[in-house]
Full PDB file with SEQRES, HELIX, SHEET, SSBOND, CRYST1, ORIGX, SCALE, CONECT and MASTER records, all heavy atoms in Angstrom:
SEQRES   1 A   36  SER SER ILE LEU GLY ILE THR PHE ARG ALA SER ALA GLU          
SEQRES   2 A   36  GLN LEU VAL THR ALA ALA ILE ASP THR ASP ASN GLU ILE          
SEQRES   3 A   36  ILE TYR GLN VAL ASP LEU ASP ASN ARG SER                      
HELIX    1 AA1 LEU A   32  ASN A   34  5                                   3    
SHEET    1 AA1 2 LEU A  15  ASP A  21  0                                        
SHEET    2 AA1 2 ILE A  26  ASP A  31 -1                                        
CRYST1    1.000    1.000    1.000  90.00  90.00  90.00 P 1           1          
ORIGX1      1.000000  0.000000  0.000000        0.00000                         
ORIGX2      0.000000  1.000000  0.000000        0.00000                         
ORIGX3      0.000000  0.000000  1.000000        0.00000                         
SCALE1      1.000000  0.000000  0.000000        0.00000                         
SCALE2      0.000000  1.000000  0.000000        0.00000                         
SCALE3      0.000000  0.000000  1.000000        0.00000                         
ATOM      1  N   SER A   1     310.914 221.802 193.843  1.00  0.00           N  
ATOM      2  CA  SER A   1     311.134 223.078 193.159  1.00  0.00           C  
ATOM      3  C   SER A   1     311.311 224.207 194.162  1.00  0.00           C  
ATOM      4  O   SER A   1     312.075 225.137 193.937  1.00  0.00           O  
ATOM      5  CB  SER A   1     309.993 223.383 192.197  1.00  0.00           C  
ATOM      6  OG  SER A   1     308.803 223.633 192.894  1.00  0.00           O  
ATOM      7  N   SER A   2     310.619 224.131 195.296  1.00  0.00           N  
ATOM      8  CA  SER A   2     310.778 225.159 196.325  1.00  0.00           C  
ATOM      9  C   SER A   2     312.173 225.105 196.937  1.00  0.00           C  
ATOM     10  O   SER A   2     312.799 226.126 197.190  1.00  0.00           O  
ATOM     11  CB  SER A   2     309.734 224.971 197.428  1.00  0.00           C  
ATOM     12  OG  SER A   2     308.447 225.144 196.919  1.00  0.00           O  
ATOM     13  N   ILE A   3     312.648 223.911 197.167  1.00  0.00           N  
ATOM     14  CA  ILE A   3     313.983 223.751 197.758  1.00  0.00           C  
ATOM     15  C   ILE A   3     315.059 224.241 196.794  1.00  0.00           C  
ATOM     16  O   ILE A   3     315.999 224.927 197.188  1.00  0.00           O  
ATOM     17  CB  ILE A   3     314.236 222.270 198.133  1.00  0.00           C  
ATOM     18  CG1 ILE A   3     313.325 221.873 199.301  1.00  0.00           C  
ATOM     19  CG2 ILE A   3     315.696 222.038 198.485  1.00  0.00           C  
ATOM     20  CD1 ILE A   3     313.308 220.389 199.586  1.00  0.00           C  
ATOM     21  N   LEU A   4     314.921 223.921 195.546  1.00  0.00           N  
ATOM     22  CA  LEU A   4     315.927 224.298 194.555  1.00  0.00           C  
ATOM     23  C   LEU A   4     315.750 225.717 194.029  1.00  0.00           C  
ATOM     24  O   LEU A   4     316.585 226.208 193.287  1.00  0.00           O  
ATOM     25  CB  LEU A   4     315.893 223.317 193.380  1.00  0.00           C  
ATOM     26  CG  LEU A   4     316.255 221.873 193.714  1.00  0.00           C  
ATOM     27  CD1 LEU A   4     316.086 220.992 192.490  1.00  0.00           C  
ATOM     28  CD2 LEU A   4     317.680 221.792 194.243  1.00  0.00           C  
ATOM     29  N   GLY A   5     314.679 226.359 194.406  1.00  0.00           N  
ATOM     30  CA  GLY A   5     314.449 227.729 193.949  1.00  0.00           C  
ATOM     31  C   GLY A   5     313.968 227.803 192.519  1.00  0.00           C  
ATOM     32  O   GLY A   5     314.135 228.819 191.855  1.00  0.00           O  
ATOM     33  N   ILE A   6     313.417 226.739 192.028  1.00  0.00           N  
ATOM     34  CA  ILE A   6     312.923 226.710 190.659  1.00  0.00           C  
ATOM     35  C   ILE A   6     311.493 227.219 190.646  1.00  0.00           C  
ATOM     36  O   ILE A   6     310.669 226.776 191.425  1.00  0.00           O  
ATOM     37  CB  ILE A   6     312.964 225.281 190.077  1.00  0.00           C  
ATOM     38  CG1 ILE A   6     314.391 224.746 190.103  1.00  0.00           C  
ATOM     39  CG2 ILE A   6     312.383 225.250 188.674  1.00  0.00           C  
ATOM     40  CD1 ILE A   6     314.484 223.275 189.785  1.00  0.00           C  
ATOM     41  N   THR A   7     311.242 228.145 189.800  1.00  0.00           N  
ATOM     42  CA  THR A   7     309.868 228.623 189.659  1.00  0.00           C  
ATOM     43  C   THR A   7     309.469 228.510 188.210  1.00  0.00           C  
ATOM     44  O   THR A   7     310.283 228.658 187.305  1.00  0.00           O  
ATOM     45  CB  THR A   7     309.731 230.100 190.108  1.00  0.00           C  
ATOM     46  OG1 THR A   7     310.611 230.884 189.329  1.00  0.00           O  
ATOM     47  CG2 THR A   7     310.035 230.253 191.575  1.00  0.00           C  
ATOM     48  N   PHE A   8     308.214 228.241 188.015  1.00  0.00           N  
ATOM     49  CA  PHE A   8     307.684 228.142 186.669  1.00  0.00           C  
ATOM     50  C   PHE A   8     306.797 229.356 186.451  1.00  0.00           C  
ATOM     51  O   PHE A   8     305.653 229.379 186.875  1.00  0.00           O  
ATOM     52  CB  PHE A   8     306.877 226.843 186.518  1.00  0.00           C  
ATOM     53  CG  PHE A   8     307.698 225.617 186.801  1.00  0.00           C  
ATOM     54  CD1 PHE A   8     307.605 224.968 188.015  1.00  0.00           C  
ATOM     55  CD2 PHE A   8     308.590 225.145 185.859  1.00  0.00           C  
ATOM     56  CE1 PHE A   8     308.374 223.852 188.277  1.00  0.00           C  
ATOM     57  CE2 PHE A   8     309.356 224.027 186.111  1.00  0.00           C  
ATOM     58  CZ  PHE A   8     309.254 223.377 187.327  1.00  0.00           C  
ATOM     59  N   ARG A   9     307.360 230.365 185.830  1.00  0.00           N  
ATOM     60  CA  ARG A   9     306.612 231.599 185.618  1.00  0.00           C  
ATOM     61  C   ARG A   9     306.345 231.782 184.140  1.00  0.00           C  
ATOM     62  O   ARG A   9     307.225 231.588 183.316  1.00  0.00           O  
ATOM     63  CB  ARG A   9     307.400 232.801 186.127  1.00  0.00           C  
ATOM     64  CG  ARG A   9     307.507 232.868 187.624  1.00  0.00           C  
ATOM     65  CD  ARG A   9     308.156 234.145 188.033  1.00  0.00           C  
ATOM     66  NE  ARG A   9     309.580 234.066 187.702  1.00  0.00           N  
ATOM     67  CZ  ARG A   9     310.408 235.076 187.777  1.00  0.00           C  
ATOM     68  NH1 ARG A   9     309.998 236.239 188.156  1.00  0.00           N  
ATOM     69  NH2 ARG A   9     311.674 234.923 187.469  1.00  0.00           N  
ATOM     70  N   ALA A  10     305.154 232.204 183.876  1.00  0.00           N  
ATOM     71  CA  ALA A  10     304.831 232.573 182.501  1.00  0.00           C  
ATOM     72  C   ALA A  10     305.250 234.022 182.305  1.00  0.00           C  
ATOM     73  O   ALA A  10     305.029 234.865 183.162  1.00  0.00           O  
ATOM     74  CB  ALA A  10     303.345 232.422 182.247  1.00  0.00           C  
ATOM     75  N   SER A  11     305.866 234.289 181.208  1.00  0.00           N  
ATOM     76  CA  SER A  11     306.333 235.636 180.939  1.00  0.00           C  
ATOM     77  C   SER A  11     305.845 236.065 179.563  1.00  0.00           C  
ATOM     78  O   SER A  11     306.070 235.380 178.580  1.00  0.00           O  
ATOM     79  CB  SER A  11     307.865 235.666 180.974  1.00  0.00           C  
ATOM     80  OG  SER A  11     308.342 236.885 180.496  1.00  0.00           O  
ATOM     81  N   ALA A  12     305.184 237.176 179.541  1.00  0.00           N  
ATOM     82  CA  ALA A  12     304.713 237.711 178.259  1.00  0.00           C  
ATOM     83  C   ALA A  12     305.178 239.151 178.156  1.00  0.00           C  
ATOM     84  O   ALA A  12     304.841 239.980 178.984  1.00  0.00           O  
ATOM     85  CB  ALA A  12     303.204 237.632 178.175  1.00  0.00           C  
ATOM     86  N   GLU A  13     305.998 239.407 177.171  1.00  0.00           N  
ATOM     87  CA  GLU A  13     306.469 240.769 176.974  1.00  0.00           C  
ATOM     88  C   GLU A  13     305.381 241.576 176.286  1.00  0.00           C  
ATOM     89  O   GLU A  13     304.672 241.071 175.427  1.00  0.00           O  
ATOM     90  CB  GLU A  13     307.719 240.789 176.109  1.00  0.00           C  
ATOM     91  CG  GLU A  13     308.919 240.215 176.784  1.00  0.00           C  
ATOM     92  CD  GLU A  13     310.132 240.279 175.884  1.00  0.00           C  
ATOM     93  OE1 GLU A  13     309.972 240.417 174.664  1.00  0.00           O  
ATOM     94  OE2 GLU A  13     311.232 240.186 176.424  1.00  0.00           O  
ATOM     95  N   GLN A  14     305.302 242.814 176.670  1.00  0.00           N  
ATOM     96  CA  GLN A  14     304.343 243.696 176.032  1.00  0.00           C  
ATOM     97  C   GLN A  14     305.119 244.663 175.143  1.00  0.00           C  
ATOM     98  O   GLN A  14     305.496 245.744 175.563  1.00  0.00           O  
ATOM     99  CB  GLN A  14     303.517 244.438 177.073  1.00  0.00           C  
ATOM    100  CG  GLN A  14     302.355 245.161 176.468  1.00  0.00           C  
ATOM    101  CD  GLN A  14     301.455 245.759 177.532  1.00  0.00           C  
ATOM    102  OE1 GLN A  14     301.707 245.649 178.717  1.00  0.00           O  
ATOM    103  NE2 GLN A  14     300.413 246.407 177.083  1.00  0.00           N  
ATOM    104  N   LEU A  15     305.369 244.226 173.919  1.00  0.00           N  
ATOM    105  CA  LEU A  15     306.055 245.051 172.935  1.00  0.00           C  
ATOM    106  C   LEU A  15     305.006 245.744 172.084  1.00  0.00           C  
ATOM    107  O   LEU A  15     304.094 245.110 171.564  1.00  0.00           O  
ATOM    108  CB  LEU A  15     306.961 244.205 172.048  1.00  0.00           C  
ATOM    109  CG  LEU A  15     308.152 243.544 172.729  1.00  0.00           C  
ATOM    110  CD1 LEU A  15     308.865 242.620 171.766  1.00  0.00           C  
ATOM    111  CD2 LEU A  15     309.103 244.592 173.257  1.00  0.00           C  
ATOM    112  N   VAL A  16     305.146 247.046 171.938  1.00  0.00           N  
ATOM    113  CA  VAL A  16     304.192 247.837 171.173  1.00  0.00           C  
ATOM    114  C   VAL A  16     304.920 248.461 169.989  1.00  0.00           C  
ATOM    115  O   VAL A  16     306.003 249.033 170.150  1.00  0.00           O  
ATOM    116  CB  VAL A  16     303.580 248.942 172.062  1.00  0.00           C  
ATOM    117  CG1 VAL A  16     302.721 249.881 171.247  1.00  0.00           C  
ATOM    118  CG2 VAL A  16     302.790 248.338 173.193  1.00  0.00           C  
ATOM    119  N   THR A  17     304.328 248.338 168.820  1.00  0.00           N  
ATOM    120  CA  THR A  17     304.905 248.983 167.642  1.00  0.00           C  
ATOM    121  C   THR A  17     304.770 250.491 167.806  1.00  0.00           C  
ATOM    122  O   THR A  17     303.680 251.009 168.001  1.00  0.00           O  
ATOM    123  CB  THR A  17     304.192 248.516 166.357  1.00  0.00           C  
ATOM    124  OG1 THR A  17     304.409 247.124 166.200  1.00  0.00           O  
ATOM    125  CG2 THR A  17     304.730 249.256 165.147  1.00  0.00           C  
ATOM    126  N   ALA A  18     305.901 251.176 167.751  1.00  0.00           N  
ATOM    127  CA  ALA A  18     305.921 252.621 167.984  1.00  0.00           C  
ATOM    128  C   ALA A  18     306.107 253.408 166.698  1.00  0.00           C  
ATOM    129  O   ALA A  18     305.570 254.502 166.553  1.00  0.00           O  
ATOM    130  CB  ALA A  18     307.034 252.973 168.967  1.00  0.00           C  
ATOM    131  N   ALA A  19     306.873 252.869 165.779  1.00  0.00           N  
ATOM    132  CA  ALA A  19     307.159 253.594 164.537  1.00  0.00           C  
ATOM    133  C   ALA A  19     307.606 252.604 163.474  1.00  0.00           C  
ATOM    134  O   ALA A  19     308.167 251.556 163.778  1.00  0.00           O  
ATOM    135  CB  ALA A  19     308.242 254.643 164.767  1.00  0.00           C  
ATOM    136  N   ILE A  20     307.348 252.977 162.236  1.00  0.00           N  
ATOM    137  CA  ILE A  20     307.761 252.146 161.107  1.00  0.00           C  
ATOM    138  C   ILE A  20     308.556 253.019 160.138  1.00  0.00           C  
ATOM    139  O   ILE A  20     308.062 254.040 159.660  1.00  0.00           O  
ATOM    140  CB  ILE A  20     306.546 251.528 160.391  1.00  0.00           C  
ATOM    141  CG1 ILE A  20     305.756 250.642 161.363  1.00  0.00           C  
ATOM    142  CG2 ILE A  20     306.995 250.735 159.168  1.00  0.00           C  
ATOM    143  CD1 ILE A  20     304.453 250.121 160.805  1.00  0.00           C  
ATOM    144  N   ASP A  21     309.782 252.595 159.893  1.00  0.00           N  
ATOM    145  CA  ASP A  21     310.635 253.256 158.903  1.00  0.00           C  
ATOM    146  C   ASP A  21     310.404 252.530 157.580  1.00  0.00           C  
ATOM    147  O   ASP A  21     310.997 251.483 157.325  1.00  0.00           O  
ATOM    148  CB  ASP A  21     312.096 253.169 159.342  1.00  0.00           C  
ATOM    149  CG  ASP A  21     313.050 253.812 158.360  1.00  0.00           C  
ATOM    150  OD1 ASP A  21     312.633 254.179 157.244  1.00  0.00           O  
ATOM    151  OD2 ASP A  21     314.240 253.938 158.709  1.00  0.00           O  
ATOM    152  N   THR A  22     309.515 253.072 156.760  1.00  0.00           N  
ATOM    153  CA  THR A  22     309.136 252.389 155.520  1.00  0.00           C  
ATOM    154  C   THR A  22     310.280 252.352 154.508  1.00  0.00           C  
ATOM    155  O   THR A  22     310.364 251.421 153.717  1.00  0.00           O  
ATOM    156  CB  THR A  22     307.897 253.048 154.886  1.00  0.00           C  
ATOM    157  OG1 THR A  22     308.134 254.440 154.725  1.00  0.00           O  
ATOM    158  CG2 THR A  22     306.672 252.836 155.744  1.00  0.00           C  
ATOM    159  N   ASP A  23     311.168 253.348 154.552  1.00  0.00           N  
ATOM    160  CA  ASP A  23     312.293 253.364 153.612  1.00  0.00           C  
ATOM    161  C   ASP A  23     313.235 252.179 153.837  1.00  0.00           C  
ATOM    162  O   ASP A  23     313.741 251.589 152.894  1.00  0.00           O  
ATOM    163  CB  ASP A  23     313.078 254.672 153.725  1.00  0.00           C  
ATOM    164  CG  ASP A  23     312.265 255.874 153.277  1.00  0.00           C  
ATOM    165  OD1 ASP A  23     311.286 255.686 152.523  1.00  0.00           O  
ATOM    166  OD2 ASP A  23     312.599 256.999 153.691  1.00  0.00           O  
ATOM    167  N   ASN A  24     313.498 251.874 155.104  1.00  0.00           N  
ATOM    168  CA  ASN A  24     314.437 250.801 155.448  1.00  0.00           C  
ATOM    169  C   ASN A  24     313.742 249.543 155.942  1.00  0.00           C  
ATOM    170  O   ASN A  24     314.408 248.599 156.366  1.00  0.00           O  
ATOM    171  CB  ASN A  24     315.434 251.299 156.499  1.00  0.00           C  
ATOM    172  CG  ASN A  24     316.266 252.439 155.967  1.00  0.00           C  
ATOM    173  OD1 ASN A  24     316.865 252.334 154.900  1.00  0.00           O  
ATOM    174  ND2 ASN A  24     316.295 253.541 156.691  1.00  0.00           N  
ATOM    175  N   GLU A  25     312.414 249.543 155.942  1.00  0.00           N  
ATOM    176  CA  GLU A  25     311.601 248.412 156.389  1.00  0.00           C  
ATOM    177  C   GLU A  25     311.963 247.975 157.806  1.00  0.00           C  
ATOM    178  O   GLU A  25     312.168 246.788 158.085  1.00  0.00           O  
ATOM    179  CB  GLU A  25     311.718 247.250 155.410  1.00  0.00           C  
ATOM    180  CG  GLU A  25     311.214 247.591 154.020  1.00  0.00           C  
ATOM    181  CD  GLU A  25     311.315 246.442 153.033  1.00  0.00           C  
ATOM    182  OE1 GLU A  25     311.800 245.357 153.402  1.00  0.00           O  
ATOM    183  OE2 GLU A  25     310.920 246.639 151.880  1.00  0.00           O  
ATOM    184  N   ILE A  26     312.033 248.950 158.708  1.00  0.00           N  
ATOM    185  CA  ILE A  26     312.343 248.690 160.110  1.00  0.00           C  
ATOM    186  C   ILE A  26     311.121 249.038 160.947  1.00  0.00           C  
ATOM    187  O   ILE A  26     310.551 250.112 160.805  1.00  0.00           O  
ATOM    188  CB  ILE A  26     313.553 249.518 160.584  1.00  0.00           C  
ATOM    189  CG1 ILE A  26     314.788 249.157 159.765  1.00  0.00           C  
ATOM    190  CG2 ILE A  26     313.799 249.312 162.067  1.00  0.00           C  
ATOM    191  CD1 ILE A  26     315.977 250.065 160.026  1.00  0.00           C  
ATOM    192  N   ILE A  27     310.736 248.117 161.831  1.00  0.00           N  
ATOM    193  CA  ILE A  27     309.622 248.341 162.748  1.00  0.00           C  
ATOM    194  C   ILE A  27     310.210 248.474 164.148  1.00  0.00           C  
ATOM    195  O   ILE A  27     310.796 247.530 164.683  1.00  0.00           O  
ATOM    196  CB  ILE A  27     308.609 247.185 162.683  1.00  0.00           C  
ATOM    197  CG1 ILE A  27     308.039 247.081 161.268  1.00  0.00           C  
ATOM    198  CG2 ILE A  27     307.504 247.377 163.719  1.00  0.00           C  
ATOM    199  CD1 ILE A  27     307.177 245.861 161.042  1.00  0.00           C  
ATOM    200  N   TYR A  28     310.056 249.655 164.745  1.00  0.00           N  
ATOM    201  CA  TYR A  28     310.563 249.923 166.087  1.00  0.00           C  
ATOM    202  C   TYR A  28     309.496 249.563 167.111  1.00  0.00           C  
ATOM    203  O   TYR A  28     308.329 249.912 166.950  1.00  0.00           O  
ATOM    204  CB  TYR A  28     310.938 251.395 166.240  1.00  0.00           C  
ATOM    205  CG  TYR A  28     312.129 251.787 165.407  1.00  0.00           C  
ATOM    206  CD1 TYR A  28     311.965 252.358 164.151  1.00  0.00           C  
ATOM    207  CD2 TYR A  28     313.422 251.584 165.869  1.00  0.00           C  
ATOM    208  CE1 TYR A  28     313.054 252.717 163.376  1.00  0.00           C  
ATOM    209  CE2 TYR A  28     314.517 251.943 165.102  1.00  0.00           C  
ATOM    210  CZ  TYR A  28     314.330 252.512 163.860  1.00  0.00           C  
ATOM    211  OH  TYR A  28     315.408 252.864 163.103  1.00  0.00           O  
ATOM    212  N   GLN A  29     309.926 248.868 168.172  1.00  0.00           N  
ATOM    213  CA  GLN A  29     309.006 248.450 169.218  1.00  0.00           C  
ATOM    214  C   GLN A  29     309.505 248.916 170.582  1.00  0.00           C  
ATOM    215  O   GLN A  29     310.692 248.863 170.874  1.00  0.00           O  
ATOM    216  CB  GLN A  29     308.861 246.929 169.235  1.00  0.00           C  
ATOM    217  CG  GLN A  29     308.255 246.378 167.958  1.00  0.00           C  
ATOM    218  CD  GLN A  29     308.169 244.877 167.967  1.00  0.00           C  
ATOM    219  OE1 GLN A  29     309.130 244.202 168.293  1.00  0.00           O  
ATOM    220  NE2 GLN A  29     307.007 244.368 167.608  1.00  0.00           N  
ATOM    221  N   VAL A  30     308.547 249.342 171.423  1.00  0.00           N  
ATOM    222  CA  VAL A  30     308.838 249.769 172.788  1.00  0.00           C  
ATOM    223  C   VAL A  30     308.373 248.675 173.733  1.00  0.00           C  
ATOM    224  O   VAL A  30     307.257 248.175 173.620  1.00  0.00           O  
ATOM    225  CB  VAL A  30     308.123 251.102 173.110  1.00  0.00           C  
ATOM    226  CG1 VAL A  30     308.244 251.446 174.571  1.00  0.00           C  
ATOM    227  CG2 VAL A  30     308.685 252.225 172.245  1.00  0.00           C  
ATOM    228  N   ASP A  31     309.243 248.305 174.666  1.00  0.00           N  
ATOM    229  CA  ASP A  31     308.898 247.312 175.690  1.00  0.00           C  
ATOM    230  C   ASP A  31     308.219 248.043 176.848  1.00  0.00           C  
ATOM    231  O   ASP A  31     308.856 248.800 177.574  1.00  0.00           O  
ATOM    232  CB  ASP A  31     310.169 246.612 176.172  1.00  0.00           C  
ATOM    233  CG  ASP A  31     309.899 245.559 177.229  1.00  0.00           C  
ATOM    234  OD1 ASP A  31     308.723 245.363 177.603  1.00  0.00           O  
ATOM    235  OD2 ASP A  31     310.865 244.939 177.688  1.00  0.00           O  
ATOM    236  N   LEU A  32     306.920 247.840 177.000  1.00  0.00           N  
ATOM    237  CA  LEU A  32     306.164 248.541 178.038  1.00  0.00           C  
ATOM    238  C   LEU A  32     306.309 247.896 179.410  1.00  0.00           C  
ATOM    239  O   LEU A  32     305.908 248.484 180.414  1.00  0.00           O  
ATOM    240  CB  LEU A  32     304.683 248.606 177.657  1.00  0.00           C  
ATOM    241  CG  LEU A  32     304.363 249.412 176.404  1.00  0.00           C  
ATOM    242  CD1 LEU A  32     302.861 249.429 176.163  1.00  0.00           C  
ATOM    243  CD2 LEU A  32     304.889 250.831 176.510  1.00  0.00           C  
ATOM    244  N   ASP A  33     306.884 246.704 179.480  1.00  0.00           N  
ATOM    245  CA  ASP A  33     307.049 246.027 180.767  1.00  0.00           C  
ATOM    246  C   ASP A  33     308.186 246.611 181.589  1.00  0.00           C  
ATOM    247  O   ASP A  33     308.189 246.486 182.810  1.00  0.00           O  
ATOM    248  CB  ASP A  33     307.318 244.534 180.553  1.00  0.00           C  
ATOM    249  CG  ASP A  33     306.127 243.803 179.985  1.00  0.00           C  
ATOM    250  OD1 ASP A  33     304.992 244.251 180.241  1.00  0.00           O  
ATOM    251  OD2 ASP A  33     306.319 242.806 179.282  1.00  0.00           O  
ATOM    252  N   ASN A  34     309.140 247.201 180.950  1.00  0.00           N  
ATOM    253  CA  ASN A  34     310.344 247.672 181.645  1.00  0.00           C  
ATOM    254  C   ASN A  34     310.536 249.167 181.473  1.00  0.00           C  
ATOM    255  O   ASN A  34     311.547 249.620 180.963  1.00  0.00           O  
ATOM    256  CB  ASN A  34     311.567 246.919 181.120  1.00  0.00           C  
ATOM    257  CG  ASN A  34     311.511 245.454 181.450  1.00  0.00           C  
ATOM    258  OD1 ASN A  34     311.364 245.091 182.607  1.00  0.00           O  
ATOM    259  ND2 ASN A  34     311.586 244.608 180.440  1.00  0.00           N  
ATOM    260  N   ARG A  35     309.558 249.934 181.906  1.00  0.00           N  
ATOM    261  CA  ARG A  35     309.653 251.395 181.829  1.00  0.00           C  
ATOM    262  C   ARG A  35     309.785 251.957 183.238  1.00  0.00           C  
ATOM    263  O   ARG A  35     309.213 251.430 184.172  1.00  0.00           O  
ATOM    264  CB  ARG A  35     308.378 251.981 181.207  1.00  0.00           C  
ATOM    265  CG  ARG A  35     308.182 251.638 179.762  1.00  0.00           C  
ATOM    266  CD  ARG A  35     306.808 252.088 179.256  1.00  0.00           C  
ATOM    267  NE  ARG A  35     306.568 253.501 179.461  1.00  0.00           N  
ATOM    268  CZ  ARG A  35     305.544 254.006 180.149  1.00  0.00           C  
ATOM    269  NH1 ARG A  35     304.669 253.231 180.705  1.00  0.00           N  
ATOM    270  NH2 ARG A  35     305.389 255.299 180.277  1.00  0.00           N  
ATOM    271  N   SER A  36     310.526 253.020 183.361  1.00  0.00           N  
ATOM    272  CA  SER A  36     310.572 253.746 184.630  1.00  0.00           C  
ATOM    273  C   SER A  36     310.649 255.234 184.318  1.00  0.00           C  
ATOM    274  O   SER A  36     311.159 255.633 183.286  1.00  0.00           O  
ATOM    275  CB  SER A  36     311.759 253.306 185.481  1.00  0.00           C  
ATOM    276  OG  SER A  36     312.972 253.591 184.819  1.00  0.00           O  
TER     277      SER A  36                                                      
MASTER        0    0    0    1    2    0    0    6  276    1    0    3          
END                                                                             
């Protein structure tokens, strides 16, 4: 795996519910892992 560049990484996104549009039943989520 080192020679081939293969890595086994666990990835967990941190999505946070930011707002809920109850009229249209839409739940908006912000990805906290990719902020700058």
